[in-house]
Amino acid sequence: MAKDIRHNESNSIEELMKFFIKENNLSKGLRQVTVEELWKEQMGKGVANYTDKIILSGETLIVYLNSSVLREELSYGKEKIVKILNEALGEELIKKIRLI
C-alpha cells in the first residue's frame, strides 16, 4: 500500500496526511495535542485557567489542576467529561480521567 500512495498522483490530501502520520509515528503526539485543545474548548476558560498540564496515557486522561476546589467539583462529573470529550473526538479514546 505504501508504494501505491507514493506513486499515485491522484491521492487526496487526507489520504496523504494519514499516510504521513502513520509512516512517521505521529499519531500519539497528535492525539495529545488534540485532547489538550478539546479540554480547553469543551471545559471553558474558567477550568482551562486552573489546568496546569494534561497527559493522555493510554486510555487515561490525567489532568493536573492547581485548584483543590475545582478538582473536587470536577470529580463528581468524570463520566460526563469522558463522554463529552469522546464525542468531540469522534471516537472512544478516553476511558478514564484522573484529576491531580
PDB file of N, CA and C in Angstrom:
ATOM      1  N   MET A   1       0.820  -1.197   0.000  1.00  0.00           N
ATOM      2  CA  MET A   1       0.000   0.000   0.000  1.00  0.00           C
ATOM      3  C   MET A   1       0.863   1.260   0.000  1.00  0.00           C
ATOM      4  N   ALA A   2       1.968   1.243   0.731  1.00  0.00           N
ATOM      5  CA  ALA A   2       2.827   2.417   0.805  1.00  0.00           C
ATOM      6  C   ALA A   2       3.323   2.815  -0.577  1.00  0.00           C
ATOM      7  N   LYS A   3       3.644   1.819  -1.386  1.00  0.00           N
ATOM      8  CA  LYS A   3       4.123   2.091  -2.721  1.00  0.00           C
ATOM      9  C   LYS A   3       3.046   2.774  -3.556  1.00  0.00           C
ATOM     10  N   ASP A   4       1.801   2.302  -3.422  1.00  0.00           N
ATOM     11  CA  ASP A   4       0.684   2.878  -4.172  1.00  0.00           C
ATOM     12  C   ASP A   4       0.474   4.339  -3.830  1.00  0.00           C
ATOM     13  N   ILE A   5       0.565   4.690  -2.567  1.00  0.00           N
ATOM     14  CA  ILE A   5       0.320   6.071  -2.148  1.00  0.00           C
ATOM     15  C   ILE A   5       1.405   6.997  -2.677  1.00  0.00           C
ATOM     16  N   ARG A   6       2.619   6.554  -2.664  1.00  0.00           N
ATOM     17  CA  ARG A   6       3.722   7.415  -3.101  1.00  0.00           C
ATOM     18  C   ARG A   6       3.688   7.692  -4.595  1.00  0.00           C
ATOM     19  N   HIS A   7       3.229   6.722  -5.377  1.00  0.00           N
ATOM     20  CA  HIS A   7       3.311   6.871  -6.828  1.00  0.00           C
ATOM     21  C   HIS A   7       1.995   7.256  -7.497  1.00  0.00           C
ATOM     22  N   ASN A   8       0.954   7.349  -6.731  1.00  0.00           N
ATOM     23  CA  ASN A   8      -0.340   7.723  -7.288  1.00  0.00           C
ATOM     24  C   ASN A   8      -0.510   9.237  -7.144  1.00  0.00           C
ATOM     25  N   GLU A   9      -0.664   9.927  -8.246  1.00  0.00           N
ATOM     26  CA  GLU A   9      -0.745  11.379  -8.216  1.00  0.00           C
ATOM     27  C   GLU A   9      -2.132  11.905  -7.891  1.00  0.00           C
ATOM     28  N   SER A  10      -3.130  11.032  -7.826  1.00  0.00           N
ATOM     29  CA  SER A  10      -4.497  11.489  -7.591  1.00  0.00           C
ATOM     30  C   SER A  10      -4.967  11.243  -6.156  1.00  0.00           C
ATOM     31  N   ASN A  11      -4.045  11.150  -5.222  1.00  0.00           N
ATOM     32  CA  ASN A  11      -4.420  10.968  -3.809  1.00  0.00           C
ATOM     33  C   ASN A  11      -4.977  12.251  -3.226  1.00  0.00           C
ATOM     34  N   SER A  12      -5.924  12.089  -2.319  1.00  0.00           N
ATOM     35  CA  SER A  12      -6.446  13.271  -1.635  1.00  0.00           C
ATOM     36  C   SER A  12      -5.461  13.686  -0.555  1.00  0.00           C
ATOM     37  N   ILE A  13      -5.571  14.917  -0.143  1.00  0.00           N
ATOM     38  CA  ILE A  13      -4.685  15.418   0.911  1.00  0.00           C
ATOM     39  C   ILE A  13      -4.917  14.621   2.199  1.00  0.00           C
ATOM     40  N   GLU A  14      -6.165  14.266   2.466  1.00  0.00           N
ATOM     41  CA  GLU A  14      -6.481  13.494   3.665  1.00  0.00           C
ATOM     42  C   GLU A  14      -5.746  12.154   3.659  1.00  0.00           C
ATOM     43  N   GLU A  15      -5.750  11.460   2.522  1.00  0.00           N
ATOM     44  CA  GLU A  15      -5.044  10.179   2.415  1.00  0.00           C
ATOM     45  C   GLU A  15      -3.547  10.366   2.625  1.00  0.00           C
ATOM     46  N   LEU A  16      -3.005  11.399   2.027  1.00  0.00           N
ATOM     47  CA  LEU A  16      -1.571  11.668   2.163  1.00  0.00           C
ATOM     48  C   LEU A  16      -1.194  12.004   3.602  1.00  0.00           C
ATOM     49  N   MET A  17      -2.047  12.785   4.282  1.00  0.00           N
ATOM     50  CA  MET A  17      -1.779  13.128   5.681  1.00  0.00           C
ATOM     51  C   MET A  17      -1.819  11.888   6.562  1.00  0.00           C
ATOM     52  N   LYS A  18      -2.814  11.028   6.355  1.00  0.00           N
ATOM     53  CA  LYS A  18      -2.906   9.790   7.126  1.00  0.00           C
ATOM     54  C   LYS A  18      -1.668   8.928   6.910  1.00  0.00           C
ATOM     55  N   PHE A  19      -1.234   8.830   5.672  1.00  0.00           N
ATOM     56  CA  PHE A  19      -0.035   8.063   5.354  1.00  0.00           C
ATOM     57  C   PHE A  19       1.193   8.653   6.050  1.00  0.00           C
ATOM     58  N   PHE A  20       1.346   9.968   5.961  1.00  0.00           N
ATOM     59  CA  PHE A  20       2.488  10.643   6.575  1.00  0.00           C
ATOM     60  C   PHE A  20       2.505  10.440   8.087  1.00  0.00           C
ATOM     61  N   ILE A  21       1.343  10.596   8.712  1.00  0.00           N
ATOM     62  CA  ILE A  21       1.233  10.425  10.168  1.00  0.00           C
ATOM     63  C   ILE A  21       1.592   8.996  10.571  1.00  0.00           C
ATOM     64  N   LYS A  22       1.085   8.030   9.825  1.00  0.00           N
ATOM     65  CA  LYS A  22       1.359   6.626  10.132  1.00  0.00           C
ATOM     66  C   LYS A  22       2.836   6.293   9.926  1.00  0.00           C
ATOM     67  N   GLU A  23       3.398   6.707   8.817  1.00  0.00           N
ATOM     68  CA  GLU A  23       4.784   6.399   8.494  1.00  0.00           C
ATOM     69  C   GLU A  23       5.776   7.026   9.480  1.00  0.00           C
ATOM     70  N   ASN A  24       5.422   8.161  10.055  1.00  0.00           N
ATOM     71  CA  ASN A  24       6.328   8.871  10.959  1.00  0.00           C
ATOM     72  C   ASN A  24       5.951   8.724  12.429  1.00  0.00           C
ATOM     73  N   ASN A  25       5.031   7.804  12.730  1.00  0.00           N
ATOM     74  CA  ASN A  25       4.609   7.526  14.105  1.00  0.00           C
ATOM     75  C   ASN A  25       4.216   8.797  14.872  1.00  0.00           C
ATOM     76  N   LEU A  26       3.363   9.591  14.272  1.00  0.00           N
ATOM     77  CA  LEU A  26       2.948  10.856  14.882  1.00  0.00           C
ATOM     78  C   LEU A  26       1.573  10.781  15.553  1.00  0.00           C
ATOM     79  N   SER A  27       0.906   9.652  15.476  1.00  0.00           N
ATOM     80  CA  SER A  27      -0.461   9.523  15.994  1.00  0.00           C
ATOM     81  C   SER A  27      -0.564   9.891  17.467  1.00  0.00           C
ATOM     82  N   LYS A  28       0.345   9.375  18.279  1.00  0.00           N
ATOM     83  CA  LYS A  28       0.284   9.621  19.723  1.00  0.00           C
ATOM     84  C   LYS A  28       0.404  11.114  20.041  1.00  0.00           C
ATOM     85  N   GLY A  29       1.354  11.780  19.419  1.00  0.00           N
ATOM     86  CA  GLY A  29       1.555  13.205  19.662  1.00  0.00           C
ATOM     87  C   GLY A  29       0.383  14.048  19.192  1.00  0.00           C
ATOM     88  N   LEU A  30      -0.172  13.694  18.048  1.00  0.00           N
ATOM     89  CA  LEU A  30      -1.325  14.434  17.531  1.00  0.00           C
ATOM     90  C   LEU A  30      -2.542  14.245  18.422  1.00  0.00           C
ATOM     91  N   ARG A  31      -2.729  13.042  18.936  1.00  0.00           N
ATOM     92  CA  ARG A  31      -3.842  12.806  19.866  1.00  0.00           C
ATOM     93  C   ARG A  31      -3.674  13.646  21.120  1.00  0.00           C
ATOM     94  N   GLN A  32      -2.456  13.722  21.626  1.00  0.00           N
ATOM     95  CA  GLN A  32      -2.178  14.503  22.825  1.00  0.00           C
ATOM     96  C   GLN A  32      -2.551  15.968  22.611  1.00  0.00           C
ATOM     97  N   VAL A  33      -2.106  16.530  21.511  1.00  0.00           N
ATOM     98  CA  VAL A  33      -2.390  17.937  21.207  1.00  0.00           C
ATOM     99  C   VAL A  33      -3.893  18.149  21.015  1.00  0.00           C
ATOM    100  N   THR A  34      -4.536  17.235  20.319  1.00  0.00           N
ATOM    101  CA  THR A  34      -5.974  17.335  20.081  1.00  0.00           C
ATOM    102  C   THR A  34      -6.749  17.307  21.388  1.00  0.00           C
ATOM    103  N   VAL A  35      -6.378  16.399  22.291  1.00  0.00           N
ATOM    104  CA  VAL A  35      -7.066  16.284  23.584  1.00  0.00           C
ATOM    105  C   VAL A  35      -6.853  17.545  24.416  1.00  0.00           C
ATOM    106  N   GLU A  36      -5.659  18.088  24.413  1.00  0.00           N
ATOM    107  CA  GLU A  36      -5.385  19.327  25.154  1.00  0.00           C
ATOM    108  C   GLU A  36      -6.265  20.465  24.645  1.00  0.00           C
ATOM    109  N   GLU A  37      -6.359  20.601  23.342  1.00  0.00           N
ATOM    110  CA  GLU A  37      -7.178  21.675  22.772  1.00  0.00           C
ATOM    111  C   GLU A  37      -8.659  21.457  23.068  1.00  0.00           C
ATOM    112  N   LEU A  38      -9.113  20.212  22.972  1.00  0.00           N
ATOM    113  CA  LEU A  38     -10.515  19.911  23.264  1.00  0.00           C
ATOM    114  C   LEU A  38     -10.851  20.162  24.728  1.00  0.00           C
ATOM    115  N   TRP A  39      -9.918  19.869  25.615  1.00  0.00           N
ATOM    116  CA  TRP A  39     -10.142  20.123  27.044  1.00  0.00           C
ATOM    117  C   TRP A  39     -10.448  21.604  27.246  1.00  0.00           C
ATOM    118  N   LYS A  40      -9.607  22.457  26.687  1.00  0.00           N
ATOM    119  CA  LYS A  40      -9.791  23.903  26.829  1.00  0.00           C
ATOM    120  C   LYS A  40     -11.098  24.359  26.201  1.00  0.00           C
ATOM    121  N   GLU A  41     -11.391  23.815  25.026  1.00  0.00           N
ATOM    122  CA  GLU A  41     -12.602  24.208  24.300  1.00  0.00           C
ATOM    123  C   GLU A  41     -13.872  23.735  25.007  1.00  0.00           C
ATOM    124  N   GLN A  42     -13.906  22.483  25.418  1.00  0.00           N
ATOM    125  CA  GLN A  42     -15.114  21.893  25.999  1.00  0.00           C
ATOM    126  C   GLN A  42     -15.329  22.303  27.456  1.00  0.00           C
ATOM    127  N   MET A  43     -14.272  22.499  28.207  1.00  0.00           N
ATOM    128  CA  MET A  43     -14.393  22.811  29.632  1.00  0.00           C
ATOM    129  C   MET A  43     -14.482  24.314  29.877  1.00  0.00           C
ATOM    130  N   GLY A  44     -14.093  25.110  28.915  1.00  0.00           N
ATOM    131  CA  GLY A  44     -14.198  26.557  29.050  1.00  0.00           C
ATOM    132  C   GLY A  44     -12.957  27.206  29.639  1.00  0.00           C
ATOM    133  N   LYS A  45     -12.910  28.520  29.543  1.00  0.00           N
ATOM    134  CA  LYS A  45     -11.745  29.285  30.007  1.00  0.00           C
ATOM    135  C   LYS A  45     -11.539  29.177  31.510  1.00  0.00           C
ATOM    136  N   GLY A  46     -12.620  29.136  32.266  1.00  0.00           N
ATOM    137  CA  GLY A  46     -12.503  29.065  33.720  1.00  0.00           C
ATOM    138  C   GLY A  46     -11.725  27.845  34.177  1.00  0.00           C
ATOM    139  N   VAL A  47     -12.082  26.688  33.650  1.00  0.00           N
ATOM    140  CA  VAL A  47     -11.386  25.442  34.005  1.00  0.00           C
ATOM    141  C   VAL A  47      -9.990  25.442  33.395  1.00  0.00           C
ATOM    142  N   ALA A  48      -9.874  25.899  32.160  1.00  0.00           N
ATOM    143  CA  ALA A  48      -8.575  25.920  31.484  1.00  0.00           C
ATOM    144  C   ALA A  48      -7.560  26.770  32.247  1.00  0.00           C
ATOM    145  N   ASN A  49      -8.015  27.853  32.867  1.00  0.00           N
ATOM    146  CA  ASN A  49      -7.105  28.713  33.633  1.00  0.00           C
ATOM    147  C   ASN A  49      -6.517  28.006  34.850  1.00  0.00           C
ATOM    148  N   TYR A  50      -7.225  27.029  35.385  1.00  0.00           N
ATOM    149  CA  TYR A  50      -6.742  26.282  36.551  1.00  0.00           C
ATOM    150  C   TYR A  50      -6.087  24.961  36.172  1.00  0.00           C
ATOM    151  N   THR A  51      -5.947  24.714  34.883  1.00  0.00           N
ATOM    152  CA  THR A  51      -5.327  23.480  34.403  1.00  0.00           C
ATOM    153  C   THR A  51      -3.853  23.730  34.134  1.00  0.00           C
ATOM    154  N   ASP A  52      -2.999  22.947  34.801  1.00  0.00           N
ATOM    155  CA  ASP A  52      -1.552  23.082  34.608  1.00  0.00           C
ATOM    156  C   ASP A  52      -1.035  22.217  33.466  1.00  0.00           C
ATOM    157  N   LYS A  53      -1.489  20.959  33.428  1.00  0.00           N
ATOM    158  CA  LYS A  53      -0.949  20.031  32.437  1.00  0.00           C
ATOM    159  C   LYS A  53      -1.979  18.949  32.163  1.00  0.00           C
ATOM    160  N   ILE A  54      -1.990  18.453  30.931  1.00  0.00           N
ATOM    161  CA  ILE A  54      -2.875  17.374  30.522  1.00  0.00           C
ATOM    162  C   ILE A  54      -2.024  16.319  29.837  1.00  0.00           C
ATOM    163  N   ILE A  55      -2.174  15.071  30.273  1.00  0.00           N
ATOM    164  CA  ILE A  55      -1.418  13.972  29.688  1.00  0.00           C
ATOM    165  C   ILE A  55      -2.386  12.864  29.298  1.00  0.00           C
ATOM    166  N   LEU A  56      -2.266  12.373  28.069  1.00  0.00           N
ATOM    167  CA  LEU A  56      -3.036  11.223  27.630  1.00  0.00           C
ATOM    168  C   LEU A  56      -2.121  10.011  27.727  1.00  0.00           C
ATOM    169  N   SER A  57      -2.410   9.133  28.672  1.00  0.00           N
ATOM    170  CA  SER A  57      -1.604   7.937  28.900  1.00  0.00           C
ATOM    171  C   SER A  57      -2.473   6.717  28.631  1.00  0.00           C
ATOM    172  N   GLY A  58      -2.306   6.144  27.460  1.00  0.00           N
ATOM    173  CA  GLY A  58      -3.162   5.030  27.063  1.00  0.00           C
ATOM    174  C   GLY A  58      -4.585   5.523  26.907  1.00  0.00           C
ATOM    175  N   GLU A  59      -5.497   4.936  27.678  1.00  0.00           N
ATOM    176  CA  GLU A  59      -6.908   5.337  27.636  1.00  0.00           C
ATOM    177  C   GLU A  59      -7.280   6.233  28.812  1.00  0.00           C
ATOM    178  N   THR A  60      -6.270   6.682  29.559  1.00  0.00           N
ATOM    179  CA  THR A  60      -6.497   7.521  30.734  1.00  0.00           C
ATOM    180  C   THR A  60      -6.037   8.947  30.469  1.00  0.00           C
ATOM    181  N   LEU A  61      -6.915   9.897  30.761  1.00  0.00           N
ATOM    182  CA  LEU A  61      -6.574  11.308  30.667  1.00  0.00           C
ATOM    183  C   LEU A  61      -6.210  11.790  32.063  1.00  0.00           C
ATOM    184  N   ILE A  62      -4.983  12.262  32.225  1.00  0.00           N
ATOM    185  CA  ILE A  62      -4.510  12.752  33.513  1.00  0.00           C
ATOM    186  C   ILE A  62      -4.476  14.274  33.431  1.00  0.00           C
ATOM    187  N   VAL A  63      -5.237  14.912  34.320  1.00  0.00           N
ATOM    188  CA  VAL A  63      -5.357  16.370  34.303  1.00  0.00           C
ATOM    189  C   VAL A  63      -4.821  16.921  35.618  1.00  0.00           C
ATOM    190  N   TYR A  64      -3.812  17.765  35.528  1.00  0.00           N
ATOM    191  CA  TYR A  64      -3.223  18.417  36.698  1.00  0.00           C
ATOM    192  C   TYR A  64      -3.905  19.763  36.879  1.00  0.00           C
ATOM    193  N   LEU A  65      -4.555  19.934  38.009  1.00  0.00           N
ATOM    194  CA  LEU A  65      -5.266  21.177  38.319  1.00  0.00           C
ATOM    195  C   LEU A  65      -4.594  21.859  39.504  1.00  0.00           C
ATOM    196  N   ASN A  66      -4.586  23.185  39.512  1.00  0.00           N
ATOM    197  CA  ASN A  66      -3.972  23.912  40.622  1.00  0.00           C
ATOM    198  C   ASN A  66      -5.014  24.462  41.600  1.00  0.00           C
ATOM    199  N   SER A  67      -6.220  23.885  41.560  1.00  0.00           N
ATOM    200  CA  SER A  67      -7.273  24.277  42.494  1.00  0.00           C
ATOM    201  C   SER A  67      -7.921  23.016  43.066  1.00  0.00           C
ATOM    202  N   SER A  68      -7.774  22.827  44.366  1.00  0.00           N
ATOM    203  CA  SER A  68      -8.366  21.647  45.003  1.00  0.00           C
ATOM    204  C   SER A  68      -9.893  21.707  44.966  1.00  0.00           C
ATOM    205  N   VAL A  69     -10.444  22.902  45.030  1.00  0.00           N
ATOM    206  CA  VAL A  69     -11.902  23.066  44.985  1.00  0.00           C
ATOM    207  C   VAL A  69     -12.428  22.633  43.613  1.00  0.00           C
ATOM    208  N   LEU A  70     -11.789  23.087  42.555  1.00  0.00           N
ATOM    209  CA  LEU A  70     -12.185  22.711  41.205  1.00  0.00           C
ATOM    210  C   LEU A  70     -12.000  21.211  40.988  1.00  0.00           C
ATOM    211  N   ARG A  71     -10.902  20.669  41.485  1.00  0.00           N
ATOM    212  CA  ARG A  71     -10.644  19.231  41.363  1.00  0.00           C
ATOM    213  C   ARG A  71     -11.780  18.429  41.981  1.00  0.00           C
ATOM    214  N   GLU A  72     -12.207  18.843  43.167  1.00  0.00           N
ATOM    215  CA  GLU A  72     -13.305  18.154  43.861  1.00  0.00           C
ATOM    216  C   GLU A  72     -14.606  18.287  43.073  1.00  0.00           C
ATOM    217  N   GLU A  73     -14.875  19.476  42.570  1.00  0.00           N
ATOM    218  CA  GLU A  73     -16.107  19.709  41.815  1.00  0.00           C
ATOM    219  C   GLU A  73     -16.134  18.873  40.532  1.00  0.00           C
ATOM    220  N   LEU A  74     -15.024  18.838  39.796  1.00  0.00           N
ATOM    221  CA  LEU A  74     -14.965  18.074  38.557  1.00  0.00           C
ATOM    222  C   LEU A  74     -15.013  16.569  38.800  1.00  0.00           C
ATOM    223  N   SER A  75     -14.556  16.137  39.961  1.00  0.00           N
ATOM    224  CA  SER A  75     -14.543  14.695  40.247  1.00  0.00           C
ATOM    225  C   SER A  75     -15.945  14.097  40.243  1.00  0.00           C
ATOM    226  N   TYR A  76     -16.957  14.907  40.518  1.00  0.00           N
ATOM    227  CA  TYR A  76     -18.338  14.418  40.515  1.00  0.00           C
ATOM    228  C   TYR A  76     -18.863  14.182  39.101  1.00  0.00           C
ATOM    229  N   GLY A  77     -18.232  14.784  38.111  1.00  0.00           N
ATOM    230  CA  GLY A  77     -18.720  14.666  36.740  1.00  0.00           C
ATOM    231  C   GLY A  77     -17.746  13.995  35.791  1.00  0.00           C
ATOM    232  N   LYS A  78     -16.894  13.115  36.299  1.00  0.00           N
ATOM    233  CA  LYS A  78     -15.877  12.476  35.460  1.00  0.00           C
ATOM    234  C   LYS A  78     -16.482  11.733  34.270  1.00  0.00           C
ATOM    235  N   GLU A  79     -17.532  10.968  34.507  1.00  0.00           N
ATOM    236  CA  GLU A  79     -18.143  10.189  33.431  1.00  0.00           C
ATOM    237  C   GLU A  79     -18.700  11.100  32.336  1.00  0.00           C
ATOM    238  N   LYS A  80     -19.307  12.199  32.753  1.00  0.00           N
ATOM    239  CA  LYS A  80     -19.857  13.145  31.780  1.00  0.00           C
ATOM    240  C   LYS A  80     -18.733  13.804  30.980  1.00  0.00           C
ATOM    241  N   ILE A  81     -17.634  14.131  31.637  1.00  0.00           N
ATOM    242  CA  ILE A  81     -16.486  14.739  30.960  1.00  0.00           C
ATOM    243  C   ILE A  81     -15.925  13.782  29.920  1.00  0.00           C
ATOM    244  N   VAL A  82     -15.796  12.501  30.287  1.00  0.00           N
ATOM    245  CA  VAL A  82     -15.299  11.490  29.348  1.00  0.00           C
ATOM    246  C   VAL A  82     -16.212  11.433  28.125  1.00  0.00           C
ATOM    247  N   LYS A  83     -17.502  11.425  28.361  1.00  0.00           N
ATOM    248  CA  LYS A  83     -18.477  11.349  27.268  1.00  0.00           C
ATOM    249  C   LYS A  83     -18.368  12.568  26.352  1.00  0.00           C
ATOM    250  N   ILE A  84     -18.284  13.753  26.937  1.00  0.00           N
ATOM    251  CA  ILE A  84     -18.186  14.989  26.156  1.00  0.00           C
ATOM    252  C   ILE A  84     -16.920  15.000  25.300  1.00  0.00           C
ATOM    253  N   LEU A  85     -15.787  14.635  25.897  1.00  0.00           N
ATOM    254  CA  LEU A  85     -14.523  14.651  25.164  1.00  0.00           C
ATOM    255  C   LEU A  85     -14.513  13.605  24.054  1.00  0.00           C
ATOM    256  N   ASN A  86     -15.016  12.409  24.326  1.00  0.00           N
ATOM    257  CA  ASN A  86     -15.051  11.360  23.300  1.00  0.00           C
ATOM    258  C   ASN A  86     -15.968  11.739  22.141  1.00  0.00           C
ATOM    259  N   GLU A  87     -17.086  12.381  22.452  1.00  0.00           N
ATOM    260  CA  GLU A  87     -17.984  12.836  21.383  1.00  0.00           C
ATOM    261  C   GLU A  87     -17.297  13.882  20.516  1.00  0.00           C
ATOM    262  N   ALA A  88     -16.565  14.787  21.137  1.00  0.00           N
ATOM    263  CA  ALA A  88     -15.846  15.816  20.385  1.00  0.00           C
ATOM    264  C   ALA A  88     -14.717  15.199  19.550  1.00  0.00           C
ATOM    265  N   LEU A  89     -14.102  14.141  20.069  1.00  0.00           N
ATOM    266  CA  LEU A  89     -13.037  13.446  19.341  1.00  0.00           C
ATOM    267  C   LEU A  89     -13.594  12.602  18.202  1.00  0.00           C
ATOM    268  N   GLY A  90     -14.818  12.136  18.361  1.00  0.00           N
ATOM    269  CA  GLY A  90     -15.419  11.267  17.362  1.00  0.00           C
ATOM    270  C   GLY A  90     -15.006   9.819  17.501  1.00  0.00           C
ATOM    271  N   GLU A  91     -14.416   9.469  18.641  1.00  0.00           N
ATOM    272  CA  GLU A  91     -14.020   8.086  18.915  1.00  0.00           C
ATOM    273  C   GLU A  91     -13.905   7.872  20.414  1.00  0.00           C
ATOM    274  N   GLU A  92     -13.930   6.613  20.836  1.00  0.00           N
ATOM    275  CA  GLU A  92     -13.817   6.259  22.246  1.00  0.00           C
ATOM    276  C   GLU A  92     -12.341   6.170  22.629  1.00  0.00           C
ATOM    277  N   LEU A  93     -11.689   7.290  22.705  1.00  0.00           N
ATOM    278  CA  LEU A  93     -10.259   7.332  23.007  1.00  0.00           C
ATOM    279  C   LEU A  93      -9.992   7.344  24.506  1.00  0.00           C
ATOM    280  N   ILE A  94     -10.839   8.004  25.257  1.00  0.00           N
ATOM    281  CA  ILE A  94     -10.652   8.172  26.707  1.00  0.00           C
ATOM    282  C   ILE A  94     -11.636   7.278  27.444  1.00  0.00           C
ATOM    283  N   LYS A  95     -11.130   6.482  28.371  1.00  0.00           N
ATOM    284  CA  LYS A  95     -11.979   5.608  29.187  1.00  0.00           C
ATOM    285  C   LYS A  95     -12.058   6.099  30.636  1.00  0.00           C
ATOM    286  N   LYS A  96     -11.022   6.813  31.080  1.00  0.00           N
ATOM    287  CA  LYS A  96     -10.920   7.206  32.488  1.00  0.00           C
ATOM    288  C   LYS A  96     -10.227   8.556  32.600  1.00  0.00           C
ATOM    289  N   ILE A  97     -10.615   9.314  33.632  1.00  0.00           N
ATOM    290  CA  ILE A  97      -9.953  10.595  33.915  1.00  0.00           C
ATOM    291  C   ILE A  97      -9.422  10.565  35.338  1.00  0.00           C
ATOM    292  N   ARG A  98      -8.181  11.005  35.475  1.00  0.00           N
ATOM    293  CA  ARG A  98      -7.583  11.179  36.809  1.00  0.00           C
ATOM    294  C   ARG A  98      -7.332  12.666  36.990  1.00  0.00           C
ATOM    295  N   LEU A  99      -7.875  13.214  38.050  1.00  0.00           N
ATOM    296  CA  LEU A  99      -7.683  14.634  38.376  1.00  0.00           C
ATOM    297  C   LEU A  99      -6.665  14.733  39.489  1.00  0.00           C
ATOM    298  N   ILE A 100      -5.577  15.413  39.225  1.00  0.00           N
ATOM    299  CA  ILE A 100      -4.493  15.522  40.205  1.00  0.00           C
ATOM    300  C   ILE A 100      -4.248  16.974  40.523  1.00  0.00           C
TER     301      ILE A 100
END
